[in-house]
Structures are given as C-alpha cells and as structure tokens.
Amino acid sequence: MKPTILLVDDERAILFAIREYIAAYGFEVDCARDKQEALNLLAGRSYAVLITDLRLFRRRGYRRAGHRGVCARTQPDAAHHPADRIRHA
C-alpha cells in the first residue's frame, strides 16, 4: 500500500501543482480545500504526511485533528516547525 499524503490549500492551482508533483513520486494524495474538509478527512483515515497552508488552521484545528505527523507549507521556514511545536504553540 502506498503512503498517503493529505494536501490542504484553498488555492486550486497550488493543490493541482503540488498533487501532481507528489503523485509522480508514487504517493497517493488526498486534497482538501479548507479546514473543515481536512478535518473530515483526518477523522476518517491516517496519513503519512500532512502538507498545508498553515494560515487555514488555528491552534484548535491541530488539537482537534489530533495530528502527530509532519506538517509543512510552501514557505521555506516551515521546515523548522515540527507538528508538536505547532500544535502546542
């Protein structure tokens, strides 16, 4: 079974471009266009990685999702923010 990545962004062009790039490496990619859609997907299955535009989420969104994986966004400084640090900020 291929690892599945959840990609969350409200900009359709960004979702499409990143989804195509990641899928080319053999990953399955689920996409959500907003916070609620992402939370619904997270409630129904586990993901290897969550990639999101962090501006779509507030602290409570991470707490509710209970996500303990890797979070990133397209901005370069995102790699320095582990999920637990973001969750409890």
N, C-alpha and C. Protein backbone atom coordinates (compact mmCIF):
# COMPACT_ATOMS: atom_id res chain seq x y z
N MET A 1 0.84 -1.19 0.00
CA MET A 1 0.00 0.00 0.00
C MET A 1 0.88 1.25 0.00
N LYS A 2 0.57 2.17 -0.87
CA LYS A 2 1.35 3.41 -0.97
C LYS A 2 1.05 4.32 0.21
N PRO A 3 2.07 5.05 0.70
CA PRO A 3 1.80 6.07 1.72
C PRO A 3 0.89 7.14 1.14
N THR A 4 -0.02 7.63 1.96
CA THR A 4 -0.96 8.65 1.51
C THR A 4 -0.66 9.97 2.20
N ILE A 5 -0.69 11.03 1.43
CA ILE A 5 -0.42 12.38 1.91
C ILE A 5 -1.70 13.19 1.81
N LEU A 6 -1.97 13.97 2.84
CA LEU A 6 -3.10 14.91 2.80
C LEU A 6 -2.55 16.29 2.49
N LEU A 7 -3.05 16.87 1.42
CA LEU A 7 -2.63 18.19 0.96
C LEU A 7 -3.80 19.15 1.15
N VAL A 8 -3.56 20.26 1.86
CA VAL A 8 -4.62 21.21 2.17
C VAL A 8 -4.20 22.61 1.73
N ASP A 9 -4.99 23.19 0.84
CA ASP A 9 -4.75 24.58 0.41
C ASP A 9 -6.03 25.10 -0.22
N ASP A 10 -6.30 26.37 -0.04
CA ASP A 10 -7.52 26.95 -0.60
C ASP A 10 -7.32 27.44 -2.03
N GLU A 11 -6.12 27.36 -2.55
CA GLU A 11 -5.85 27.79 -3.92
C GLU A 11 -5.76 26.56 -4.82
N ARG A 12 -6.70 26.45 -5.73
CA ARG A 12 -6.81 25.28 -6.61
C ARG A 12 -5.54 25.03 -7.41
N ALA A 13 -4.91 26.07 -7.93
CA ALA A 13 -3.70 25.89 -8.74
C ALA A 13 -2.56 25.29 -7.91
N ILE A 14 -2.43 25.72 -6.66
CA ILE A 14 -1.39 25.17 -5.79
C ILE A 14 -1.69 23.70 -5.49
N LEU A 15 -2.94 23.39 -5.17
CA LEU A 15 -3.32 21.99 -4.92
C LEU A 15 -2.96 21.11 -6.12
N PHE A 16 -3.33 21.55 -7.30
CA PHE A 16 -3.08 20.76 -8.50
C PHE A 16 -1.59 20.55 -8.73
N ALA A 17 -0.81 21.62 -8.65
CA ALA A 17 0.63 21.53 -8.93
C ALA A 17 1.34 20.62 -7.93
N ILE A 18 1.06 20.81 -6.65
CA ILE A 18 1.73 20.00 -5.63
C ILE A 18 1.26 18.55 -5.69
N ARG A 19 -0.04 18.34 -5.92
CA ARG A 19 -0.55 16.98 -6.03
C ARG A 19 0.13 16.22 -7.17
N GLU A 20 0.25 16.86 -8.32
CA GLU A 20 0.88 16.21 -9.47
C GLU A 20 2.35 15.90 -9.19
N TYR A 21 3.04 16.82 -8.55
CA TYR A 21 4.46 16.63 -8.23
C TYR A 21 4.64 15.44 -7.28
N ILE A 22 3.85 15.40 -6.22
CA ILE A 22 3.96 14.33 -5.22
C ILE A 22 3.54 12.98 -5.82
N ALA A 23 2.48 12.97 -6.59
CA ALA A 23 1.99 11.72 -7.20
C ALA A 23 3.03 11.13 -8.14
N ALA A 24 3.82 11.97 -8.79
CA ALA A 24 4.87 11.49 -9.69
C ALA A 24 5.92 10.65 -8.96
N TYR A 25 6.02 10.80 -7.65
CA TYR A 25 6.95 10.03 -6.84
C TYR A 25 6.29 8.78 -6.24
N GLY A 26 5.08 8.48 -6.64
CA GLY A 26 4.43 7.25 -6.24
C GLY A 26 3.55 7.32 -5.00
N PHE A 27 3.32 8.51 -4.49
CA PHE A 27 2.45 8.67 -3.33
C PHE A 27 1.00 8.85 -3.76
N GLU A 28 0.09 8.40 -2.91
CA GLU A 28 -1.31 8.75 -3.09
C GLU A 28 -1.53 10.08 -2.40
N VAL A 29 -2.35 10.94 -2.99
CA VAL A 29 -2.58 12.27 -2.44
C VAL A 29 -4.07 12.54 -2.35
N ASP A 30 -4.53 12.85 -1.14
CA ASP A 30 -5.89 13.34 -0.93
C ASP A 30 -5.80 14.85 -0.78
N CYS A 31 -6.77 15.57 -1.32
CA CYS A 31 -6.75 17.03 -1.27
C CYS A 31 -7.98 17.57 -0.54
N ALA A 32 -7.75 18.64 0.20
CA ALA A 32 -8.84 19.36 0.87
C ALA A 32 -8.65 20.84 0.57
N ARG A 33 -9.77 21.55 0.38
CA ARG A 33 -9.69 22.96 0.04
C ARG A 33 -9.92 23.87 1.23
N ASP A 34 -10.28 23.31 2.38
CA ASP A 34 -10.47 24.15 3.56
C ASP A 34 -10.27 23.32 4.83
N LYS A 35 -10.30 24.01 5.94
CA LYS A 35 -10.05 23.39 7.24
C LYS A 35 -11.04 22.28 7.54
N GLN A 36 -12.32 22.52 7.34
CA GLN A 36 -13.33 21.52 7.68
C GLN A 36 -13.18 20.27 6.83
N GLU A 37 -12.93 20.45 5.56
CA GLU A 37 -12.74 19.28 4.69
C GLU A 37 -11.52 18.47 5.14
N ALA A 38 -10.45 19.16 5.53
CA ALA A 38 -9.25 18.47 6.02
C ALA A 38 -9.54 17.70 7.31
N LEU A 39 -10.26 18.33 8.23
CA LEU A 39 -10.59 17.67 9.49
C LEU A 39 -11.47 16.44 9.26
N ASN A 40 -12.40 16.53 8.31
CA ASN A 40 -13.24 15.38 7.97
C ASN A 40 -12.40 14.23 7.42
N LEU A 41 -11.45 14.55 6.55
CA LEU A 41 -10.58 13.50 6.00
C LEU A 41 -9.70 12.90 7.09
N LEU A 42 -9.15 13.74 7.97
CA LEU A 42 -8.31 13.25 9.06
C LEU A 42 -9.09 12.35 10.02
N ALA A 43 -10.37 12.62 10.20
CA ALA A 43 -11.19 11.80 11.09
C ALA A 43 -11.42 10.41 10.52
N GLY A 44 -11.33 10.28 9.21
CA GLY A 44 -11.66 9.02 8.56
C GLY A 44 -10.50 8.11 8.24
N ARG A 45 -9.27 8.63 8.26
CA ARG A 45 -8.12 7.78 7.93
C ARG A 45 -6.84 8.40 8.43
N SER A 46 -5.78 7.61 8.39
CA SER A 46 -4.46 8.08 8.80
C SER A 46 -3.67 8.49 7.56
N TYR A 47 -2.83 9.49 7.73
CA TYR A 47 -1.98 9.97 6.66
C TYR A 47 -0.52 9.90 7.09
N ALA A 48 0.34 9.61 6.14
CA ALA A 48 1.77 9.59 6.42
C ALA A 48 2.27 11.00 6.66
N VAL A 49 1.71 11.97 5.92
CA VAL A 49 2.16 13.36 5.99
C VAL A 49 0.98 14.28 5.72
N LEU A 50 0.97 15.41 6.40
CA LEU A 50 0.01 16.48 6.14
C LEU A 50 0.79 17.69 5.65
N ILE A 51 0.46 18.15 4.46
CA ILE A 51 1.07 19.36 3.90
C ILE A 51 -0.05 20.38 3.78
N THR A 52 0.13 21.54 4.42
CA THR A 52 -0.96 22.50 4.45
C THR A 52 -0.47 23.94 4.43
N ASP A 53 -1.33 24.79 3.98
CA ASP A 53 -1.16 26.22 4.14
C ASP A 53 -1.58 26.50 5.59
N LEU A 54 -0.64 26.77 6.44
CA LEU A 54 -0.92 26.90 7.87
C LEU A 54 -1.87 28.05 8.20
N ARG A 55 -2.01 28.99 7.29
CA ARG A 55 -2.94 30.10 7.54
C ARG A 55 -4.39 29.63 7.58
N LEU A 56 -4.67 28.45 7.05
CA LEU A 56 -6.03 27.92 7.07
C LEU A 56 -6.42 27.38 8.43
N PHE A 57 -5.43 27.09 9.26
CA PHE A 57 -5.69 26.46 10.56
C PHE A 57 -5.35 27.41 11.69
N ARG A 58 -6.12 27.29 12.74
CA ARG A 58 -5.77 27.94 14.00
C ARG A 58 -5.31 26.83 14.94
N ARG A 59 -4.75 27.18 16.06
CA ARG A 59 -4.26 26.18 17.02
C ARG A 59 -5.29 25.09 17.29
N ARG A 60 -6.52 25.47 17.54
CA ARG A 60 -7.55 24.50 17.90
C ARG A 60 -7.76 23.46 16.80
N GLY A 61 -7.55 23.85 15.54
CA GLY A 61 -7.70 22.90 14.46
C GLY A 61 -6.72 21.75 14.56
N TYR A 62 -5.48 22.04 14.92
CA TYR A 62 -4.49 20.98 15.09
C TYR A 62 -4.84 20.12 16.29
N ARG A 63 -5.28 20.74 17.37
CA ARG A 63 -5.61 19.99 18.58
C ARG A 63 -6.78 19.04 18.29
N ARG A 64 -7.81 19.55 17.62
CA ARG A 64 -8.97 18.73 17.29
C ARG A 64 -8.61 17.59 16.36
N ALA A 65 -7.76 17.88 15.39
CA ALA A 65 -7.38 16.85 14.44
C ALA A 65 -6.56 15.76 15.10
N GLY A 66 -5.85 16.09 16.17
CA GLY A 66 -5.02 15.12 16.84
C GLY A 66 -3.87 14.65 15.98
N HIS A 67 -3.46 15.47 15.03
CA HIS A 67 -2.43 15.09 14.08
C HIS A 67 -1.06 15.11 14.74
N ARG A 68 -0.31 14.01 14.60
CA ARG A 68 1.02 13.93 15.18
C ARG A 68 2.05 13.57 14.11
N GLY A 69 1.83 14.01 12.89
CA GLY A 69 2.76 13.72 11.81
C GLY A 69 3.59 14.95 11.47
N VAL A 70 4.05 15.00 10.26
CA VAL A 70 4.88 16.10 9.80
C VAL A 70 4.00 17.12 9.10
N CYS A 71 4.19 18.39 9.42
CA CYS A 71 3.44 19.46 8.77
C CYS A 71 4.43 20.35 8.02
N ALA A 72 4.03 20.79 6.88
CA ALA A 72 4.88 21.70 6.11
C ALA A 72 3.98 22.62 5.31
N ARG A 73 4.56 23.65 4.81
CA ARG A 73 3.85 24.54 3.89
C ARG A 73 4.84 24.97 2.83
N THR A 74 4.39 25.73 1.88
CA THR A 74 5.26 26.07 0.76
C THR A 74 6.30 27.12 1.11
N GLN A 75 6.13 27.84 2.22
CA GLN A 75 7.12 28.83 2.62
C GLN A 75 8.35 28.12 3.20
N PRO A 76 9.56 28.64 2.92
CA PRO A 76 10.79 27.96 3.33
C PRO A 76 10.96 27.75 4.83
N ASP A 77 10.43 28.63 5.65
CA ASP A 77 10.66 28.50 7.09
C ASP A 77 9.82 27.40 7.72
N ALA A 78 8.93 26.77 6.99
CA ALA A 78 8.04 25.75 7.56
C ALA A 78 8.78 24.51 8.02
N ALA A 79 9.89 24.21 7.39
CA ALA A 79 10.64 23.00 7.75
C ALA A 79 11.16 23.06 9.18
N HIS A 80 11.15 24.21 9.79
CA HIS A 80 11.68 24.38 11.14
C HIS A 80 10.59 24.30 12.20
N HIS A 81 9.38 23.88 11.84
CA HIS A 81 8.26 23.83 12.78
C HIS A 81 7.71 22.42 12.88
N PRO A 82 8.21 21.60 13.81
CA PRO A 82 7.64 20.26 13.98
C PRO A 82 6.17 20.35 14.37
N ALA A 83 5.41 19.34 14.02
CA ALA A 83 3.97 19.35 14.26
C ALA A 83 3.63 19.57 15.73
N ASP A 84 4.33 18.92 16.65
CA ASP A 84 4.01 19.09 18.06
C ASP A 84 4.24 20.52 18.52
N ARG A 85 5.25 21.16 18.00
CA ARG A 85 5.51 22.55 18.38
C ARG A 85 4.38 23.44 17.88
N ILE A 86 3.90 23.20 16.68
CA ILE A 86 2.79 23.97 16.13
C ILE A 86 1.53 23.69 16.93
N ARG A 87 1.28 22.43 17.22
CA ARG A 87 0.07 22.04 17.95
C ARG A 87 -0.04 22.72 19.29
N HIS A 88 1.06 22.86 19.99
CA HIS A 88 1.02 23.36 21.35
C HIS A 88 1.45 24.81 21.48
N ALA A 89 1.62 25.49 20.35
CA ALA A 89 2.07 26.89 20.38
C ALA A 89 1.02 27.79 20.99
